N, C-alpha and C. Protein backbone atom coordinates (compact mmCIF):
# COMPACT_ATOMS: atom_id res chain seq x y z
N MET A 1 0.65 -1.31 0.36
CA MET A 1 -0.08 0.20 -0.14
C MET A 1 1.12 1.05 -0.08
N LEU A 2 1.96 1.46 0.52
CA LEU A 2 3.11 2.96 0.98
C LEU A 2 3.20 2.81 -1.02
N LEU A 3 4.04 1.34 -1.57
CA LEU A 3 4.66 1.86 -2.64
C LEU A 3 3.12 2.51 -3.56
N ALA A 4 2.25 2.05 -3.39
CA ALA A 4 1.09 2.14 -4.06
C ALA A 4 1.06 3.65 -3.83
N THR A 5 0.82 3.88 -2.74
CA THR A 5 0.64 5.59 -2.65
C THR A 5 1.61 6.67 -2.93
N ILE A 6 3.30 5.99 -2.70
CA ILE A 6 4.33 6.73 -3.13
C ILE A 6 3.83 6.93 -4.88
N GLN A 7 3.88 6.05 -5.28
CA GLN A 7 4.02 5.54 -7.30
C GLN A 7 2.65 6.94 -7.44
N GLY A 8 1.60 6.53 -7.24
CA GLY A 8 0.08 7.64 -7.30
C GLY A 8 0.42 8.73 -6.89
N GLN A 9 0.91 9.09 -5.63
CA GLN A 9 1.01 10.32 -5.39
C GLN A 9 2.36 11.41 -5.45
N ILE A 10 3.39 10.90 -5.67
CA ILE A 10 4.75 11.56 -6.24
C ILE A 10 5.06 11.20 -7.72
N VAL A 11 5.43 10.52 -7.94
CA VAL A 11 6.12 9.40 -9.52
C VAL A 11 5.38 10.00 -10.14
N GLN A 12 4.23 9.93 -10.23
CA GLN A 12 3.15 9.81 -11.41
C GLN A 12 2.89 11.19 -11.39
N PRO A 13 2.52 12.14 -10.72
CA PRO A 13 2.71 13.93 -11.24
C PRO A 13 3.99 14.01 -11.77
N LEU A 14 4.80 13.65 -11.53
CA LEU A 14 6.56 14.56 -11.59
C LEU A 14 6.71 13.49 -13.00
N LEU A 15 6.70 12.28 -13.69
CA LEU A 15 6.31 11.99 -14.48
C LEU A 15 5.82 12.70 -15.85
N VAL A 16 4.58 12.46 -14.96
CA VAL A 16 3.39 13.33 -16.39
C VAL A 16 3.58 14.57 -16.37
N GLY A 17 4.24 15.09 -15.59
CA GLY A 17 4.11 16.63 -15.68
C GLY A 17 5.25 16.77 -16.57
N ARG A 18 6.79 16.47 -16.25
CA ARG A 18 7.47 16.91 -17.36
C ARG A 18 7.14 15.73 -19.22
N ARG A 19 7.04 14.60 -18.79
CA ARG A 19 6.53 14.39 -20.57
C ARG A 19 5.42 15.50 -21.17
N LEU A 20 4.40 15.76 -20.17
CA LEU A 20 3.59 16.56 -21.12
C LEU A 20 3.24 18.05 -20.91
N ALA A 21 4.89 17.84 -19.98
CA ALA A 21 4.84 19.91 -20.24
C ALA A 21 3.55 20.27 -19.17
N VAL A 22 2.76 19.53 -18.34
CA VAL A 22 2.01 20.64 -17.24
C VAL A 22 3.16 20.37 -16.00
N ASN A 23 2.15 21.20 -15.02
CA ASN A 23 3.11 21.53 -13.73
C ASN A 23 2.27 20.00 -12.64
N PRO A 24 3.99 19.87 -12.36
CA PRO A 24 3.36 18.44 -12.01
C PRO A 24 2.51 18.67 -10.56
N LEU A 25 2.42 19.95 -9.75
CA LEU A 25 1.55 20.18 -8.58
C LEU A 25 0.30 20.10 -9.61
N VAL A 26 -0.04 20.22 -10.67
CA VAL A 26 -1.68 20.71 -11.14
C VAL A 26 -1.86 19.05 -11.14
N VAL A 27 -0.60 18.54 -11.87
CA VAL A 27 -1.08 16.70 -11.91
C VAL A 27 -1.38 16.61 -10.35
N PHE A 28 -0.79 16.59 -10.02
CA PHE A 28 -1.32 15.75 -8.03
C PHE A 28 -2.61 16.95 -7.82
N LEU A 29 -2.70 17.69 -7.94
CA LEU A 29 -4.11 18.32 -7.17
C LEU A 29 -5.02 17.67 -8.37
N ALA A 30 -4.98 17.57 -9.36
CA ALA A 30 -5.95 16.69 -10.53
C ALA A 30 -6.26 15.13 -10.21
N LEU A 31 -5.59 14.78 -9.61
CA LEU A 31 -5.05 13.39 -9.34
C LEU A 31 -6.09 12.97 -7.41
N TRP A 32 -5.50 14.16 -7.00
CA TRP A 32 -6.42 14.21 -5.63
C TRP A 32 -7.42 14.88 -5.67
N PHE A 33 -7.76 15.56 -5.99
CA PHE A 33 -9.81 16.00 -6.22
C PHE A 33 -9.90 14.94 -6.96
N GLY A 34 -9.87 14.58 -8.06
CA GLY A 34 -10.52 13.51 -8.94
C GLY A 34 -10.89 12.20 -8.26
N GLY A 35 -9.57 11.83 -7.01
CA GLY A 35 -9.75 10.58 -6.15
C GLY A 35 -10.82 11.54 -4.58
N LEU A 36 -10.63 12.65 -4.45
CA LEU A 36 -11.86 13.31 -3.52
C LEU A 36 -13.27 13.42 -4.23
N PHE A 37 -13.62 13.32 -5.23
CA PHE A 37 -15.11 13.88 -5.49
C PHE A 37 -15.55 12.66 -6.42
N TRP A 38 -14.69 11.55 -6.95
CA TRP A 38 -15.31 10.83 -8.00
C TRP A 38 -14.86 9.43 -7.47
N GLY A 39 -14.04 8.86 -7.04
CA GLY A 39 -13.28 7.62 -6.38
C GLY A 39 -12.20 7.60 -7.08
N ILE A 40 -12.07 6.16 -7.58
CA ILE A 40 -10.85 5.70 -8.66
C ILE A 40 -11.59 6.01 -9.85
N ALA A 41 -12.94 5.96 -10.58
CA ALA A 41 -13.06 6.62 -11.45
C ALA A 41 -12.65 8.23 -11.98
N GLY A 42 -12.54 8.87 -10.54
CA GLY A 42 -11.66 10.33 -11.01
C GLY A 42 -10.42 10.08 -11.04
N ILE A 43 -9.82 9.42 -10.49
CA ILE A 43 -8.63 9.17 -10.40
C ILE A 43 -7.52 8.52 -12.24
N LEU A 44 -8.76 7.71 -12.21
CA LEU A 44 -8.21 7.14 -14.01
C LEU A 44 -8.46 8.43 -14.80
N LEU A 45 -9.45 9.56 -14.47
CA LEU A 45 -9.54 10.65 -15.70
C LEU A 45 -9.31 12.02 -15.04
N ALA A 46 -8.58 11.83 -14.18
CA ALA A 46 -8.26 13.31 -14.28
C ALA A 46 -6.93 13.67 -14.55
N THR A 47 -6.41 12.54 -15.17
CA THR A 47 -4.96 13.21 -16.05
C THR A 47 -5.50 13.18 -17.40
N PRO A 48 -5.98 12.91 -18.05
CA PRO A 48 -7.01 12.63 -19.56
C PRO A 48 -7.52 14.18 -19.99
N ALA A 49 -8.53 14.78 -18.48
CA ALA A 49 -9.51 15.85 -18.42
C ALA A 49 -8.35 16.66 -18.47
N LEU A 50 -7.51 16.53 -17.56
CA LEU A 50 -6.50 18.13 -17.69
C LEU A 50 -5.34 17.90 -18.35
N LEU A 51 -5.31 17.18 -18.96
CA LEU A 51 -4.77 17.13 -20.88
C LEU A 51 -5.42 17.71 -21.50
N ALA A 52 -7.07 17.53 -21.39
CA ALA A 52 -8.08 17.78 -22.20
C ALA A 52 -8.34 19.27 -22.21
N ILE A 53 -8.17 19.81 -21.21
CA ILE A 53 -8.53 21.04 -20.96
C ILE A 53 -6.78 21.83 -21.17
N LYS A 54 -6.01 21.72 -21.43
CA LYS A 54 -5.10 22.10 -21.65
C LYS A 54 -4.86 22.37 -23.26
N VAL A 55 -4.66 21.64 -23.93
CA VAL A 55 -5.32 21.33 -25.62
C VAL A 55 -6.65 22.33 -25.66
N LEU A 56 -7.42 22.28 -25.09
CA LEU A 56 -8.66 23.48 -25.25
C LEU A 56 -7.74 25.05 -24.78
N ALA A 57 -7.17 25.08 -24.12
CA ALA A 57 -6.85 26.23 -24.01
C ALA A 57 -5.51 26.72 -24.60
N GLU A 58 -5.06 26.21 -25.42
CA GLU A 58 -4.11 26.35 -26.34
C GLU A 58 -4.88 26.67 -27.35
N HIS A 59 -6.03 26.41 -27.88
CA HIS A 59 -6.35 26.52 -28.87
C HIS A 59 -7.42 27.74 -28.55
N SER A 60 -7.64 28.43 -27.65
CA SER A 60 -8.61 29.22 -27.52
C SER A 60 -7.56 30.20 -27.43
N ALA A 61 -8.25 31.67 -27.48
CA ALA A 61 -7.70 33.17 -27.80
C ALA A 61 -7.53 33.59 -26.73
N ARG A 62 -8.34 33.40 -25.96
CA ARG A 62 -8.21 33.68 -24.28
C ARG A 62 -7.49 32.49 -23.21
N GLY A 63 -6.63 31.45 -23.55
CA GLY A 63 -6.42 30.67 -22.83
C GLY A 63 -5.07 30.91 -22.14
N GLY A 64 -4.35 32.11 -22.07
CA GLY A 64 -3.12 32.69 -21.96
C GLY A 64 -2.83 32.23 -20.26
N ALA A 65 -4.11 32.90 -19.66
CA ALA A 65 -3.47 32.75 -18.39
C ALA A 65 -4.06 31.26 -17.74
N LEU A 66 -4.46 30.59 -18.50
CA LEU A 66 -4.94 29.22 -17.87
C LEU A 66 -3.74 28.23 -18.22
N LEU A 67 -2.62 28.85 -19.64
CA LEU A 67 -1.76 27.81 -19.67
C LEU A 67 -0.73 28.26 -18.82
N LYS A 68 -0.23 29.28 -18.38
CA LYS A 68 0.70 29.66 -17.29
C LYS A 68 0.64 28.77 -15.86
N PHE A 69 -0.68 28.57 -15.79
CA PHE A 69 -0.92 28.34 -14.86
C PHE A 69 -0.78 26.39 -14.86
N LEU A 70 -1.42 25.76 -16.03
CA LEU A 70 -0.92 24.58 -16.33
C LEU A 70 0.59 24.19 -16.48
N GLY A 71 1.28 25.31 -16.99
CA GLY A 71 2.61 24.70 -17.69
C GLY A 71 3.53 24.60 -16.62
N PRO A 72 4.35 24.10 -17.04
CA PRO A 72 5.91 23.93 -16.01
C PRO A 72 6.43 25.33 -15.75
N ASN A 73 6.51 25.28 -14.59
CA ASN A 73 7.42 26.88 -14.19
C ASN A 73 8.41 26.89 -15.37
N GLU A 74 9.09 28.24 -15.25
CA GLU A 74 10.29 28.85 -15.95
C GLU A 74 11.77 27.63 -15.59
N GLU A 75 11.74 27.41 -14.52
CA GLU A 75 12.94 26.81 -14.26
C GLU A 75 12.93 25.82 -14.89
N VAL A 76 11.90 25.02 -14.86
CA VAL A 76 12.01 23.51 -15.46
C VAL A 76 12.25 23.65 -17.07
N ILE A 77 11.92 24.50 -17.80
CA ILE A 77 11.61 24.95 -19.21
C ILE A 77 13.27 25.14 -19.28
N GLU A 78 13.70 26.16 -18.50
CA GLU A 78 15.35 26.37 -18.38
C GLU A 78 16.21 24.95 -18.44
N ARG A 79 16.06 24.47 -17.82
CA ARG A 79 16.52 23.56 -16.90
C ARG A 79 16.79 22.04 -18.37
N GLU A 80 15.66 21.68 -18.89
CA GLU A 80 15.19 21.05 -19.94
C GLU A 80 16.52 22.01 -21.24
N HIS A 81 15.97 22.71 -21.21
CA HIS A 81 17.06 23.22 -22.57
C HIS A 81 18.17 23.63 -22.60
N ARG A 82 18.68 23.36 -21.06
CA ARG A 82 20.25 23.18 -20.99
C ARG A 82 20.56 22.07 -20.95
N LEU A 83 19.79 20.46 -20.59
CA LEU A 83 20.13 19.54 -21.25
C LEU A 83 20.23 18.83 -22.11
N ARG A 84 19.05 19.58 -23.27
CA ARG A 84 19.19 19.64 -24.78
C ARG A 84 20.25 20.02 -25.44
N GLN A 85 20.59 21.13 -24.90
CA GLN A 85 21.84 21.75 -25.62
C GLN A 85 23.19 21.06 -25.14
N LEU A 86 23.04 19.72 -24.12
CA LEU A 86 24.57 19.38 -23.21
C LEU A 86 24.73 18.13 -24.57
N ALA A 87 23.46 17.83 -24.55
CA ALA A 87 23.45 16.27 -25.26
C ALA A 87 23.71 16.27 -26.76
N ARG A 88 23.50 17.60 -27.29
CA ARG A 88 23.90 17.92 -28.38
C ARG A 88 25.54 18.03 -28.57
N ARG A 89 26.12 18.79 -27.36
CA ARG A 89 27.18 18.77 -27.23
C ARG A 89 27.74 17.56 -27.22
N VAL A 90 27.57 16.22 -26.31
CA VAL A 90 27.97 15.25 -26.10
C VAL A 90 27.77 14.40 -27.35
N ALA A 91 26.64 14.95 -28.45
CA ALA A 91 26.66 13.77 -29.70
C ALA A 91 27.69 14.25 -30.75
N ASP A 92 27.79 15.50 -30.32
CA ASP A 92 28.80 15.73 -32.00
C ASP A 92 30.25 15.48 -31.29
């Protein structure tokens, strides 16, 4: 039970947040609220619903504030950019 809790509450939000460019804290909150309101079904649907909201905000003319909230913070973007540059240098 401890491993499942760690995986569901810490590992999944971090991995999903990095891979899909969503703030990990927002993923954590979506999973938490989904479980709080709708139980297991809410947990299963929280991440896809969050990503659907992000896609709608990306294609909306007034989605800028929502995208800032859902997106990763600037430190994460800068760190990933530096890692990509380092990987290119190593590959060359």
